[in-house]
Amino acid sequence: MIAATNRDLQAAINAGFFRSDLFIVECLSNRVPSLRERREDIPLLVEYFIDRYARKAGKRIRRVNKKTLELLLSYPWPGNIRELQNVIERSIILCETEIFLDRRKLVTAAAWPDTRVETAS
């Protein structure tokens, strides 16, 4: 059997939360650092997700607004890549030009209160 987890199985065994007979010591361990630990990947991921979701929405996005990219780079991404993916996907829906969004239109987490989408009165 092959299984994957983001938990420390040895610690779980020691705490009595995981059966030691199910744990093979000679397993392959591959730790993927969180997104906040590899900020240099954010521009590439942003480009990938924009391309993916713009195609899905039938939109053509040529470039990313510089201030928007700076904002994406400055955010700590506690939800990791899934959070970035969701922000891009929801923001593509609002994007009405070939430039990916002014930062005020990014659909963001509560941690960015100054960037919430403004609603029409």
PDB file of N, CA and C in Angstrom:
ATOM      1  N   MET A   1       0.841  -1.166   0.000  1.00  0.00           N
ATOM      2  CA  MET A   1       0.000   0.000   0.000  1.00  0.00           C
ATOM      3  C   MET A   1       0.895   1.241   0.000  1.00  0.00           C
ATOM      4  N   ILE A   2       0.475   2.223  -0.763  1.00  0.00           N
ATOM      5  CA  ILE A   2       1.176   3.502  -0.795  1.00  0.00           C
ATOM      6  C   ILE A   2       0.206   4.559  -0.297  1.00  0.00           C
ATOM      7  N   ALA A   3       0.675   5.400   0.607  1.00  0.00           N
ATOM      8  CA  ALA A   3      -0.171   6.455   1.160  1.00  0.00           C
ATOM      9  C   ALA A   3       0.643   7.734   1.303  1.00  0.00           C
ATOM     10  N   ALA A   4      -0.063   8.853   1.332  1.00  0.00           N
ATOM     11  CA  ALA A   4       0.605  10.148   1.502  1.00  0.00           C
ATOM     12  C   ALA A   4      -0.063  10.913   2.635  1.00  0.00           C
ATOM     13  N   THR A   5       0.740  11.677   3.340  1.00  0.00           N
ATOM     14  CA  THR A   5       0.223  12.509   4.420  1.00  0.00           C
ATOM     15  C   THR A   5       1.137  13.708   4.613  1.00  0.00           C
ATOM     16  N   ASN A   6       0.592  14.729   5.236  1.00  0.00           N
ATOM     17  CA  ASN A   6       1.420  15.887   5.582  1.00  0.00           C
ATOM     18  C   ASN A   6       1.744  15.881   7.081  1.00  0.00           C
ATOM     19  N   ARG A   7       1.462  14.793   7.729  1.00  0.00           N
ATOM     20  CA  ARG A   7       1.696  14.667   9.172  1.00  0.00           C
ATOM     21  C   ARG A   7       3.002  13.930   9.468  1.00  0.00           C
ATOM     22  N   ASP A   8       3.522  14.188  10.627  1.00  0.00           N
ATOM     23  CA  ASP A   8       4.721  13.496  11.094  1.00  0.00           C
ATOM     24  C   ASP A   8       4.265  12.170  11.697  1.00  0.00           C
ATOM     25  N   LEU A   9       4.393  11.094  10.920  1.00  0.00           N
ATOM     26  CA  LEU A   9       3.889   9.798  11.372  1.00  0.00           C
ATOM     27  C   LEU A   9       4.636   9.257  12.589  1.00  0.00           C
ATOM     28  N   GLN A  10       5.913   9.515  12.675  1.00  0.00           N
ATOM     29  CA  GLN A  10       6.659   9.041  13.846  1.00  0.00           C
ATOM     30  C   GLN A  10       6.122   9.700  15.112  1.00  0.00           C
ATOM     31  N   ALA A  11       5.825  10.986  15.042  1.00  0.00           N
ATOM     32  CA  ALA A  11       5.241  11.679  16.202  1.00  0.00           C
ATOM     33  C   ALA A  11       3.853  11.130  16.512  1.00  0.00           C
ATOM     34  N   ALA A  12       3.075  10.800  15.475  1.00  0.00           N
ATOM     35  CA  ALA A  12       1.733  10.237  15.677  1.00  0.00           C
ATOM     36  C   ALA A  12       1.816   8.856  16.329  1.00  0.00           C
ATOM     37  N   ILE A  13       2.802   8.065  15.935  1.00  0.00           N
ATOM     38  CA  ILE A  13       3.003   6.746  16.561  1.00  0.00           C
ATOM     39  C   ILE A  13       3.367   6.926  18.029  1.00  0.00           C
ATOM     40  N   ASN A  14       4.301   7.826  18.301  1.00  0.00           N
ATOM     41  CA  ASN A  14       4.730   8.076  19.686  1.00  0.00           C
ATOM     42  C   ASN A  14       3.587   8.569  20.564  1.00  0.00           C
ATOM     43  N   ALA A  15       2.662   9.326  19.974  1.00  0.00           N
ATOM     44  CA  ALA A  15       1.518   9.855  20.728  1.00  0.00           C
ATOM     45  C   ALA A  15       0.366   8.857  20.806  1.00  0.00           C
ATOM     46  N   GLY A  16       0.499   7.722  20.108  1.00  0.00           N
ATOM     47  CA  GLY A  16      -0.550   6.707  20.140  1.00  0.00           C
ATOM     48  C   GLY A  16      -1.700   6.965  19.182  1.00  0.00           C
ATOM     49  N   PHE A  17      -1.503   7.845  18.210  1.00  0.00           N
ATOM     50  CA  PHE A  17      -2.558   8.168  17.246  1.00  0.00           C
ATOM     51  C   PHE A  17      -2.459   7.364  15.951  1.00  0.00           C
ATOM     52  N   PHE A  18      -1.354   6.660  15.771  1.00  0.00           N
ATOM     53  CA  PHE A  18      -1.146   5.898  14.541  1.00  0.00           C
ATOM     54  C   PHE A  18      -0.506   4.565  14.903  1.00  0.00           C
ATOM     55  N   ARG A  19      -0.960   3.502  14.249  1.00  0.00           N
ATOM     56  CA  ARG A  19      -0.439   2.165  14.540  1.00  0.00           C
ATOM     57  C   ARG A  19       0.948   1.999  13.940  1.00  0.00           C
ATOM     58  N   SER A  20       1.873   1.548  14.768  1.00  0.00           N
ATOM     59  CA  SER A  20       3.257   1.382  14.311  1.00  0.00           C
ATOM     60  C   SER A  20       3.394   0.266  13.279  1.00  0.00           C
ATOM     61  N   ASP A  21       2.502  -0.742  13.317  1.00  0.00           N
ATOM     62  CA  ASP A  21       2.598  -1.839  12.344  1.00  0.00           C
ATOM     63  C   ASP A  21       2.190  -1.397  10.932  1.00  0.00           C
ATOM     64  N   LEU A  22       1.586  -0.236  10.808  1.00  0.00           N
ATOM     65  CA  LEU A  22       1.219   0.289   9.491  1.00  0.00           C
ATOM     66  C   LEU A  22       2.280   1.219   8.926  1.00  0.00           C
ATOM     67  N   PHE A  23       3.268   1.492   9.711  1.00  0.00           N
ATOM     68  CA  PHE A  23       4.316   2.434   9.309  1.00  0.00           C
ATOM     69  C   PHE A  23       5.579   1.683   8.921  1.00  0.00           C
ATOM     70  N   ILE A  24       6.044   1.893   7.707  1.00  0.00           N
ATOM     71  CA  ILE A  24       7.283   1.270   7.244  1.00  0.00           C
ATOM     72  C   ILE A  24       8.382   2.312   7.356  1.00  0.00           C
ATOM     73  N   VAL A  25       9.398   1.985   8.117  1.00  0.00           N
ATOM     74  CA  VAL A  25      10.484   2.923   8.381  1.00  0.00           C
ATOM     75  C   VAL A  25      11.224   3.302   7.104  1.00  0.00           C
ATOM     76  N   GLU A  26      11.341   2.384   6.180  1.00  0.00           N
ATOM     77  CA  GLU A  26      12.066   2.650   4.941  1.00  0.00           C
ATOM     78  C   GLU A  26      11.192   3.357   3.912  1.00  0.00           C
ATOM     79  N   CYS A  27      10.358   4.233   4.357  1.00  0.00           N
ATOM     80  CA  CYS A  27       9.473   4.913   3.415  1.00  0.00           C
ATOM     81  C   CYS A  27      10.174   6.135   2.796  1.00  0.00           C
ATOM     82  N   LEU A  28       9.631   6.567   1.725  1.00  0.00           N
ATOM     83  CA  LEU A  28      10.158   7.743   1.040  1.00  0.00           C
ATOM     84  C   LEU A  28       9.506   8.977   1.644  1.00  0.00           C
ATOM     85  N   SER A  29      10.299   9.862   2.132  1.00  0.00           N
ATOM     86  CA  SER A  29       9.782  11.095   2.725  1.00  0.00           C
ATOM     87  C   SER A  29      10.152  12.263   1.823  1.00  0.00           C
ATOM     88  N   ASN A  30       9.155  13.021   1.445  1.00  0.00           N
ATOM     89  CA  ASN A  30       9.372  14.162   0.566  1.00  0.00           C
ATOM     90  C   ASN A  30       8.616  15.360   1.126  1.00  0.00           C
ATOM     91  N   ARG A  31       9.320  16.257   1.756  1.00  0.00           N
ATOM     92  CA  ARG A  31       8.693  17.440   2.337  1.00  0.00           C
ATOM     93  C   ARG A  31       8.679  18.550   1.299  1.00  0.00           C
ATOM     94  N   VAL A  32       7.479  19.040   1.003  1.00  0.00           N
ATOM     95  CA  VAL A  32       7.337  20.163   0.081  1.00  0.00           C
ATOM     96  C   VAL A  32       7.153  21.414   0.931  1.00  0.00           C
ATOM     97  N   PRO A  33       8.038  22.389   0.784  1.00  0.00           N
ATOM     98  CA  PRO A  33       7.926  23.598   1.603  1.00  0.00           C
ATOM     99  C   PRO A  33       6.646  24.375   1.293  1.00  0.00           C
ATOM    100  N   SER A  34       6.161  25.101   2.277  1.00  0.00           N
ATOM    101  CA  SER A  34       4.958  25.904   2.079  1.00  0.00           C
ATOM    102  C   SER A  34       5.242  27.029   1.085  1.00  0.00           C
ATOM    103  N   LEU A  35       4.192  27.598   0.558  1.00  0.00           N
ATOM    104  CA  LEU A  35       4.327  28.658  -0.439  1.00  0.00           C
ATOM    105  C   LEU A  35       5.053  29.871   0.139  1.00  0.00           C
ATOM    106  N   ARG A  36       4.837  30.175   1.398  1.00  0.00           N
ATOM    107  CA  ARG A  36       5.521  31.325   2.002  1.00  0.00           C
ATOM    108  C   ARG A  36       7.021  31.105   2.127  1.00  0.00           C
ATOM    109  N   GLU A  37       7.455  29.825   2.056  1.00  0.00           N
ATOM    110  CA  GLU A  37       8.876  29.505   2.099  1.00  0.00           C
ATOM    111  C   GLU A  37       9.519  29.518   0.712  1.00  0.00           C
ATOM    112  N   ARG A  38       8.717  29.663  -0.320  1.00  0.00           N
ATOM    113  CA  ARG A  38       9.253  29.679  -1.680  1.00  0.00           C
ATOM    114  C   ARG A  38       8.532  30.715  -2.532  1.00  0.00           C
ATOM    115  N   ARG A  39       8.642  31.946  -2.091  1.00  0.00           N
ATOM    116  CA  ARG A  39       7.994  33.071  -2.776  1.00  0.00           C
ATOM    117  C   ARG A  39       8.394  33.198  -4.247  1.00  0.00           C
ATOM    118  N   GLU A  40       9.589  32.712  -4.569  1.00  0.00           N
ATOM    119  CA  GLU A  40      10.049  32.815  -5.957  1.00  0.00           C
ATOM    120  C   GLU A  40       9.166  32.005  -6.911  1.00  0.00           C
ATOM    121  N   ASP A  41       8.367  31.078  -6.387  1.00  0.00           N
ATOM    122  CA  ASP A  41       7.464  30.288  -7.221  1.00  0.00           C
ATOM    123  C   ASP A  41       6.147  31.007  -7.513  1.00  0.00           C
ATOM    124  N   ILE A  42       5.824  32.031  -6.749  1.00  0.00           N
ATOM    125  CA  ILE A  42       4.524  32.694  -6.882  1.00  0.00           C
ATOM    126  C   ILE A  42       4.290  33.257  -8.283  1.00  0.00           C
ATOM    127  N   PRO A  43       5.219  34.012  -8.884  1.00  0.00           N
ATOM    128  CA  PRO A  43       4.936  34.523 -10.236  1.00  0.00           C
ATOM    129  C   PRO A  43       4.641  33.419 -11.253  1.00  0.00           C
ATOM    130  N   LEU A  44       5.358  32.320 -11.186  1.00  0.00           N
ATOM    131  CA  LEU A  44       5.125  31.215 -12.108  1.00  0.00           C
ATOM    132  C   LEU A  44       3.761  30.569 -11.853  1.00  0.00           C
ATOM    133  N   LEU A  45       3.417  30.380 -10.593  1.00  0.00           N
ATOM    134  CA  LEU A  45       2.114  29.816 -10.253  1.00  0.00           C
ATOM    135  C   LEU A  45       0.977  30.750 -10.664  1.00  0.00           C
ATOM    136  N   VAL A  46       1.169  32.048 -10.454  1.00  0.00           N
ATOM    137  CA  VAL A  46       0.164  33.033 -10.865  1.00  0.00           C
ATOM    138  C   VAL A  46      -0.056  32.938 -12.378  1.00  0.00           C
ATOM    139  N   GLU A  47       1.019  32.902 -13.118  1.00  0.00           N
ATOM    140  CA  GLU A  47       0.925  32.794 -14.579  1.00  0.00           C
ATOM    141  C   GLU A  47       0.194  31.512 -14.990  1.00  0.00           C
ATOM    142  N   TYR A  48       0.546  30.404 -14.367  1.00  0.00           N
ATOM    143  CA  TYR A  48      -0.093  29.128 -14.685  1.00  0.00           C
ATOM    144  C   TYR A  48      -1.593  29.171 -14.393  1.00  0.00           C
ATOM    145  N   PHE A  49      -1.970  29.636 -13.191  1.00  0.00           N
ATOM    146  CA  PHE A  49      -3.385  29.666 -12.821  1.00  0.00           C
ATOM    147  C   PHE A  49      -4.174  30.660 -13.671  1.00  0.00           C
ATOM    148  N   ILE A  50      -3.573  31.788 -14.005  1.00  0.00           N
ATOM    149  CA  ILE A  50      -4.261  32.750 -14.872  1.00  0.00           C
ATOM    150  C   ILE A  50      -4.542  32.110 -16.226  1.00  0.00           C
ATOM    151  N   ASP A  51      -3.539  31.466 -16.797  1.00  0.00           N
ATOM    152  CA  ASP A  51      -3.733  30.810 -18.089  1.00  0.00           C
ATOM    153  C   ASP A  51      -4.823  29.751 -18.006  1.00  0.00           C
ATOM    154  N   ARG A  52      -4.755  28.936 -16.975  1.00  0.00           N
ATOM    155  CA  ARG A  52      -5.722  27.843 -16.809  1.00  0.00           C
ATOM    156  C   ARG A  52      -7.156  28.360 -16.683  1.00  0.00           C
ATOM    157  N   TYR A  53      -7.376  29.328 -15.789  1.00  0.00           N
ATOM    158  CA  TYR A  53      -8.740  29.785 -15.532  1.00  0.00           C
ATOM    159  C   TYR A  53      -9.243  30.798 -16.559  1.00  0.00           C
ATOM    160  N   ALA A  54      -8.347  31.521 -17.191  1.00  0.00           N
ATOM    161  CA  ALA A  54      -8.766  32.423 -18.269  1.00  0.00           C
ATOM    162  C   ALA A  54      -9.273  31.597 -19.451  1.00  0.00           C
ATOM    163  N   ARG A  55      -8.574  30.530 -19.772  1.00  0.00           N
ATOM    164  CA  ARG A  55      -9.052  29.646 -20.850  1.00  0.00           C
ATOM    165  C   ARG A  55     -10.415  29.076 -20.514  1.00  0.00           C
ATOM    166  N   LYS A  56     -10.562  28.609 -19.296  1.00  0.00           N
ATOM    167  CA  LYS A  56     -11.831  28.027 -18.847  1.00  0.00           C
ATOM    168  C   LYS A  56     -12.968  29.040 -18.951  1.00  0.00           C
ATOM    169  N   ALA A  57     -12.668  30.306 -18.653  1.00  0.00           N
ATOM    170  CA  ALA A  57     -13.682  31.370 -18.700  1.00  0.00           C
ATOM    171  C   ALA A  57     -13.800  32.009 -20.081  1.00  0.00           C
ATOM    172  N   GLY A  58     -12.964  31.574 -21.022  1.00  0.00           N
ATOM    173  CA  GLY A  58     -13.003  32.149 -22.365  1.00  0.00           C
ATOM    174  C   GLY A  58     -12.462  33.566 -22.421  1.00  0.00           C
ATOM    175  N   LYS A  59     -11.513  33.861 -21.548  1.00  0.00           N
ATOM    176  CA  LYS A  59     -10.926  35.205 -21.493  1.00  0.00           C
ATOM    177  C   LYS A  59      -9.476  35.164 -21.942  1.00  0.00           C
ATOM    178  N   ARG A  60      -8.993  36.315 -22.377  1.00  0.00           N
ATOM    179  CA  ARG A  60      -7.600  36.422 -22.814  1.00  0.00           C
ATOM    180  C   ARG A  60      -6.896  37.435 -21.910  1.00  0.00           C
ATOM    181  N   ILE A  61      -5.992  36.941 -21.094  1.00  0.00           N
ATOM    182  CA  ILE A  61      -5.234  37.794 -20.186  1.00  0.00           C
ATOM    183  C   ILE A  61      -3.800  37.837 -20.700  1.00  0.00           C
ATOM    184  N   ARG A  62      -3.314  39.034 -21.017  1.00  0.00           N
ATOM    185  CA  ARG A  62      -1.971  39.173 -21.597  1.00  0.00           C
ATOM    186  C   ARG A  62      -0.889  39.378 -20.542  1.00  0.00           C
ATOM    187  N   ARG A  63      -1.219  40.062 -19.447  1.00  0.00           N
ATOM    188  CA  ARG A  63      -0.205  40.314 -18.429  1.00  0.00           C
ATOM    189  C   ARG A  63      -0.859  40.571 -17.087  1.00  0.00           C
ATOM    190  N   VAL A  64      -0.014  40.614 -16.038  1.00  0.00           N
ATOM    191  CA  VAL A  64      -0.478  40.845 -14.666  1.00  0.00           C
ATOM    192  C   VAL A  64      -0.120  42.273 -14.282  1.00  0.00           C
ATOM    193  N   ASN A  65      -1.073  42.970 -13.691  1.00  0.00           N
ATOM    194  CA  ASN A  65      -0.833  44.304 -13.174  1.00  0.00           C
ATOM    195  C   ASN A  65       0.315  44.224 -12.162  1.00  0.00           C
ATOM    196  N   LYS A  66       1.289  45.123 -12.265  1.00  0.00           N
ATOM    197  CA  LYS A  66       2.482  45.088 -11.403  1.00  0.00           C
ATOM    198  C   LYS A  66       2.125  45.176  -9.915  1.00  0.00           C
ATOM    199  N   LYS A  67       1.226  46.076  -9.563  1.00  0.00           N
ATOM    200  CA  LYS A  67       0.826  46.231  -8.155  1.00  0.00           C
ATOM    201  C   LYS A  67       0.117  44.973  -7.653  1.00  0.00           C
ATOM    202  N   THR A  68      -0.659  44.340  -8.529  1.00  0.00           N
ATOM    203  CA  THR A  68      -1.344  43.109  -8.145  1.00  0.00           C
ATOM    204  C   THR A  68      -0.332  42.018  -7.841  1.00  0.00           C
ATOM    205  N   LEU A  69       0.680  41.865  -8.685  1.00  0.00           N
ATOM    206  CA  LEU A  69       1.708  40.854  -8.444  1.00  0.00           C
ATOM    207  C   LEU A  69       2.462  41.151  -7.147  1.00  0.00           C
ATOM    208  N   GLU A  70       2.749  42.416  -6.889  1.00  0.00           N
ATOM    209  CA  GLU A  70       3.421  42.786  -5.632  1.00  0.00           C
ATOM    210  C   GLU A  70       2.565  42.389  -4.429  1.00  0.00           C
ATOM    211  N   LEU A  71       1.265  42.605  -4.537  1.00  0.00           N
ATOM    212  CA  LEU A  71       0.359  42.224  -3.457  1.00  0.00           C
ATOM    213  C   LEU A  71       0.360  40.709  -3.263  1.00  0.00           C
ATOM    214  N   LEU A  72       0.303  39.973  -4.358  1.00  0.00           N
ATOM    215  CA  LEU A  72       0.318  38.511  -4.271  1.00  0.00           C
ATOM    216  C   LEU A  72       1.624  38.009  -3.655  1.00  0.00           C
ATOM    217  N   LEU A  73       2.720  38.669  -3.957  1.00  0.00           N
ATOM    218  CA  LEU A  73       4.017  38.287  -3.396  1.00  0.00           C
ATOM    219  C   LEU A  73       4.131  38.633  -1.908  1.00  0.00           C
ATOM    220  N   SER A  74       3.426  39.653  -1.466  1.00  0.00           N
ATOM    221  CA  SER A  74       3.545  40.096  -0.074  1.00  0.00           C
ATOM    222  C   SER A  74       2.632  39.332   0.886  1.00  0.00           C
ATOM    223  N   TYR A  75       1.630  38.644   0.366  1.00  0.00           N
ATOM    224  CA  TYR A  75       0.675  37.927   1.210  1.00  0.00           C
ATOM    225  C   TYR A  75       1.313  36.635   1.740  1.00  0.00           C
ATOM    226  N   PRO A  76       1.066  36.237   3.001  1.00  0.00           N
ATOM    227  CA  PRO A  76       1.718  35.061   3.587  1.00  0.00           C
ATOM    228  C   PRO A  76       1.156  33.706   3.126  1.00  0.00           C
ATOM    229  N   TRP A  77       0.022  33.650   2.474  1.00  0.00           N
ATOM    230  CA  TRP A  77      -0.588  32.422   1.944  1.00  0.00           C
ATOM    231  C   TRP A  77      -0.713  31.309   2.965  1.00  0.00           C
ATOM    232  N   PRO A  78      -1.483  31.536   4.051  1.00  0.00           N
ATOM    233  CA  PRO A  78      -1.667  30.476   5.034  1.00  0.00           C
ATOM    234  C   PRO A  78      -2.405  29.271   4.452  1.00  0.00           C
ATOM    235  N   GLY A  79      -3.185  29.488   3.406  1.00  0.00           N
ATOM    236  CA  GLY A  79      -3.891  28.385   2.753  1.00  0.00           C
ATOM    237  C   GLY A  79      -3.069  27.729   1.659  1.00  0.00           C
ATOM    238  N   ASN A  80      -1.823  28.178   1.524  1.00  0.00           N
ATOM    239  CA  ASN A  80      -0.867  27.608   0.592  1.00  0.00           C
ATOM    240  C   ASN A  80      -1.322  27.760  -0.859  1.00  0.00           C
ATOM    241  N   ILE A  81      -0.922  26.830  -1.719  1.00  0.00           N
ATOM    242  CA  ILE A  81      -1.187  26.953  -3.155  1.00  0.00           C
ATOM    243  C   ILE A  81      -2.679  26.910  -3.443  1.00  0.00           C
ATOM    244  N   ARG A  82      -3.440  26.152  -2.678  1.00  0.00           N
ATOM    245  CA  ARG A  82      -4.894  26.090  -2.914  1.00  0.00           C
ATOM    246  C   ARG A  82      -5.532  27.466  -2.736  1.00  0.00           C
ATOM    247  N   GLU A  83      -5.068  28.217  -1.759  1.00  0.00           N
ATOM    248  CA  GLU A  83      -5.607  29.554  -1.549  1.00  0.00           C
ATOM    249  C   GLU A  83      -5.257  30.459  -2.726  1.00  0.00           C
ATOM    250  N   LEU A  84      -4.011  30.421  -3.180  1.00  0.00           N
ATOM    251  CA  LEU A  84      -3.603  31.205  -4.342  1.00  0.00           C
ATOM    252  C   LEU A  84      -4.448  30.815  -5.556  1.00  0.00           C
ATOM    253  N   GLN A  85      -4.625  29.540  -5.760  1.00  0.00           N
ATOM    254  CA  GLN A  85      -5.420  29.048  -6.883  1.00  0.00           C
ATOM    255  C   GLN A  85      -6.856  29.586  -6.816  1.00  0.00           C
ATOM    256  N   ASN A  86      -7.464  29.544  -5.645  1.00  0.00           N
ATOM    257  CA  ASN A  86      -8.834  30.029  -5.486  1.00  0.00           C
ATOM    258  C   ASN A  86      -8.939  31.533  -5.715  1.00  0.00           C
ATOM    259  N   VAL A  87      -7.957  32.291  -5.220  1.00  0.00           N
ATOM    260  CA  VAL A  87      -7.956  33.738  -5.420  1.00  0.00           C
ATOM    261  C   VAL A  87      -7.874  34.056  -6.915  1.00  0.00           C
ATOM    262  N   ILE A  88      -6.995  33.376  -7.625  1.00  0.00           N
ATOM    263  CA  ILE A  88      -6.846  33.607  -9.064  1.00  0.00           C
ATOM    264  C   ILE A  88      -8.123  33.213  -9.802  1.00  0.00           C
ATOM    265  N   GLU A  89      -8.656  32.055  -9.492  1.00  0.00           N
ATOM    266  CA  GLU A  89      -9.865  31.584 -10.187  1.00  0.00           C
ATOM    267  C   GLU A  89     -11.036  32.554 -10.009  1.00  0.00           C
ATOM    268  N   ARG A  90     -11.271  32.985  -8.782  1.00  0.00           N
ATOM    269  CA  ARG A  90     -12.387  33.909  -8.530  1.00  0.00           C
ATOM    270  C   ARG A  90     -12.121  35.272  -9.137  1.00  0.00           C
ATOM    271  N   SER A  91     -10.873  35.704  -9.129  1.00  0.00           N
ATOM    272  CA  SER A  91     -10.538  37.018  -9.664  1.00  0.00           C
ATOM    273  C   SER A  91     -10.633  37.063 -11.184  1.00  0.00           C
ATOM    274  N   ILE A  92     -10.364  35.961 -11.844  1.00  0.00           N
ATOM    275  CA  ILE A  92     -10.488  35.894 -13.309  1.00  0.00           C
ATOM    276  C   ILE A  92     -11.922  36.230 -13.724  1.00  0.00           C
ATOM    277  N   ILE A  93     -12.875  35.793 -12.953  1.00  0.00           N
ATOM    278  CA  ILE A  93     -14.283  36.061 -13.263  1.00  0.00           C
ATOM    279  C   ILE A  93     -14.540  37.560 -13.312  1.00  0.00           C
ATOM    280  N   LEU A  94     -13.886  38.323 -12.438  1.00  0.00           N
ATOM    281  CA  LEU A  94     -14.081  39.773 -12.375  1.00  0.00           C
ATOM    282  C   LEU A  94     -13.244  40.551 -13.378  1.00  0.00           C
ATOM    283  N   CYS A  95     -12.252  39.915 -13.931  1.00  0.00           N
ATOM    284  CA  CYS A  95     -11.330  40.603 -14.824  1.00  0.00           C
ATOM    285  C   CYS A  95     -12.022  40.906 -16.159  1.00  0.00           C
ATOM    286  N   GLU A  96     -12.044  42.192 -16.514  1.00  0.00           N
ATOM    287  CA  GLU A  96     -12.739  42.614 -17.732  1.00  0.00           C
ATOM    288  C   GLU A  96     -11.787  43.140 -18.803  1.00  0.00           C
ATOM    289  N   THR A  97     -10.489  43.058 -18.557  1.00  0.00           N
ATOM    290  CA  THR A  97      -9.508  43.541 -19.525  1.00  0.00           C
ATOM    291  C   THR A  97      -8.476  42.449 -19.783  1.00  0.00           C
ATOM    292  N   GLU A  98      -7.494  42.738 -20.616  1.00  0.00           N
ATOM    293  CA  GLU A  98      -6.428  41.779 -20.893  1.00  0.00           C
ATOM    294  C   GLU A  98      -5.294  41.882 -19.880  1.00  0.00           C
ATOM    295  N   ILE A  99      -5.440  42.760 -18.903  1.00  0.00           N
ATOM    296  CA  ILE A  99      -4.469  42.897 -17.811  1.00  0.00           C
ATOM    297  C   ILE A  99      -5.121  42.325 -16.558  1.00  0.00           C
ATOM    298  N   PHE A 100      -4.408  41.405 -15.907  1.00  0.00           N
ATOM    299  CA  PHE A 100      -4.980  40.763 -14.727  1.00  0.00           C
ATOM    300  C   PHE A 100      -5.080  41.731 -13.570  1.00  0.00           C
ATOM    301  N   LEU A 101      -6.230  42.272 -13.410  1.00  0.00           N
ATOM    302  CA  LEU A 101      -6.746  42.970 -12.251  1.00  0.00           C
ATOM    303  C   LEU A 101      -5.930  44.026 -11.541  1.00  0.00           C
ATOM    304  N   ASP A 102      -6.597  45.079 -11.314  1.00  0.00           N
ATOM    305  CA  ASP A 102      -6.165  46.087 -10.355  1.00  0.00           C
ATOM    306  C   ASP A 102      -6.302  45.426  -8.989  1.00  0.00           C
ATOM    307  N   ARG A 103      -5.407  45.711  -8.074  1.00  0.00           N
ATOM    308  CA  ARG A 103      -5.423  45.044  -6.771  1.00  0.00           C
ATOM    309  C   ARG A 103      -6.719  45.259  -5.999  1.00  0.00           C
ATOM    310  N   ARG A 104      -7.462  46.335  -6.279  1.00  0.00           N
ATOM    311  CA  ARG A 104      -8.726  46.570  -5.572  1.00  0.00           C
ATOM    312  C   ARG A 104      -9.799  45.567  -5.969  1.00  0.00           C
ATOM    313  N   LYS A 105      -9.612  44.872  -7.088  1.00  0.00           N
ATOM    314  CA  LYS A 105     -10.616  43.917  -7.537  1.00  0.00           C
ATOM    315  C   LYS A 105     -10.234  42.472  -7.257  1.00  0.00           C
ATOM    316  N   LEU A 106      -9.080  42.247  -6.657  1.00  0.00           N
ATOM    317  CA  LEU A 106      -8.715  40.879  -6.300  1.00  0.00           C
ATOM    318  C   LEU A 106      -9.720  40.337  -5.299  1.00  0.00           C
ATOM    319  N   VAL A 107     -10.159  39.137  -5.515  1.00  0.00           N
ATOM    320  CA  VAL A 107     -11.038  38.482  -4.553  1.00  0.00           C
ATOM    321  C   VAL A 107     -10.114  37.825  -3.546  1.00  0.00           C
ATOM    322  N   THR A 108     -10.074  38.369  -2.349  1.00  0.00           N
ATOM    323  CA  THR A 108      -9.041  37.952  -1.403  1.00  0.00           C
ATOM    324  C   THR A 108      -9.599  37.501  -0.067  1.00  0.00           C
ATOM    325  N   ALA A 109      -8.705  37.022   0.724  1.00  0.00           N
ATOM    326  CA  ALA A 109      -9.038  36.587   2.076  1.00  0.00           C
ATOM    327  C   ALA A 109      -9.269  37.796   2.974  1.00  0.00           C
ATOM    328  N   ALA A 110      -9.821  37.565   4.132  1.00  0.00           N
ATOM    329  CA  ALA A 110     -10.105  38.639   5.082  1.00  0.00           C
ATOM    330  C   ALA A 110      -8.844  39.376   5.515  1.00  0.00           C
ATOM    331  N   ALA A 111      -7.693  38.753   5.338  1.00  0.00           N
ATOM    332  CA  ALA A 111      -6.427  39.378   5.727  1.00  0.00           C
ATOM    333  C   ALA A 111      -6.082  40.579   4.857  1.00  0.00           C
ATOM    334  N   TRP A 112      -6.796  40.749   3.749  1.00  0.00           N
ATOM    335  CA  TRP A 112      -6.549  41.879   2.850  1.00  0.00           C
ATOM    336  C   TRP A 112      -7.775  42.770   2.799  1.00  0.00           C
ATOM    337  N   PRO A 113      -8.200  43.377   3.899  1.00  0.00           N
ATOM    338  CA  PRO A 113      -9.452  44.136   3.886  1.00  0.00           C
ATOM    339  C   PRO A 113      -9.444  45.301   2.905  1.00  0.00           C
ATOM    340  N   ASP A 114      -8.293  45.865   2.615  1.00  0.00           N
ATOM    341  CA  ASP A 114      -8.241  47.017   1.698  1.00  0.00           C
ATOM    342  C   ASP A 114      -8.334  46.604   0.244  1.00  0.00           C
ATOM    343  N   THR A 115      -8.446  45.309  -0.041  1.00  0.00           N
ATOM    344  CA  THR A 115      -8.486  44.851  -1.427  1.00  0.00           C
ATOM    345  C   THR A 115      -9.811  44.176  -1.785  1.00  0.00           C
ATOM    346  N   ARG A 116     -10.766  44.235  -0.897  1.00  0.00           N
ATOM    347  CA  ARG A 116     -12.051  43.586  -1.189  1.00  0.00           C
ATOM    348  C   ARG A 116     -12.719  44.269  -2.372  1.00  0.00           C
ATOM    349  N   VAL A 117     -13.515  43.501  -3.059  1.00  0.00           N
ATOM    350  CA  VAL A 117     -14.218  44.002  -4.228  1.00  0.00           C
ATOM    351  C   VAL A 117     -15.261  45.018  -3.798  1.00  0.00           C
ATOM    352  N   GLU A 118     -15.272  46.152  -4.479  1.00  0.00           N
ATOM    353  CA  GLU A 118     -16.253  47.172  -4.180  1.00  0.00           C
ATOM    354  C   GLU A 118     -17.558  46.803  -4.864  1.00  0.00           C
ATOM    355  N   THR A 119     -18.664  46.942  -4.152  1.00  0.00           N
ATOM    356  CA  THR A 119     -19.955  46.633  -4.745  1.00  0.00           C
ATOM    357  C   THR A 119     -20.600  47.905  -5.256  1.00  0.00           C
ATOM    358  N   ALA A 120     -21.363  47.761  -6.317  1.00  0.00           N
ATOM    359  CA  ALA A 120     -22.047  48.938  -6.887  1.00  0.00           C
ATOM    360  C   ALA A 120     -23.206  49.337  -5.991  1.00  0.00           C
ATOM    361  N   SER A 121     -23.419  50.633  -5.864  1.00  0.00           N
ATOM    362  CA  SER A 121     -24.514  51.122  -5.007  1.00  0.00           C
ATOM    363  C   SER A 121     -25.821  51.079  -5.753  1.00  0.00           C
TER     364      SER A 121
END
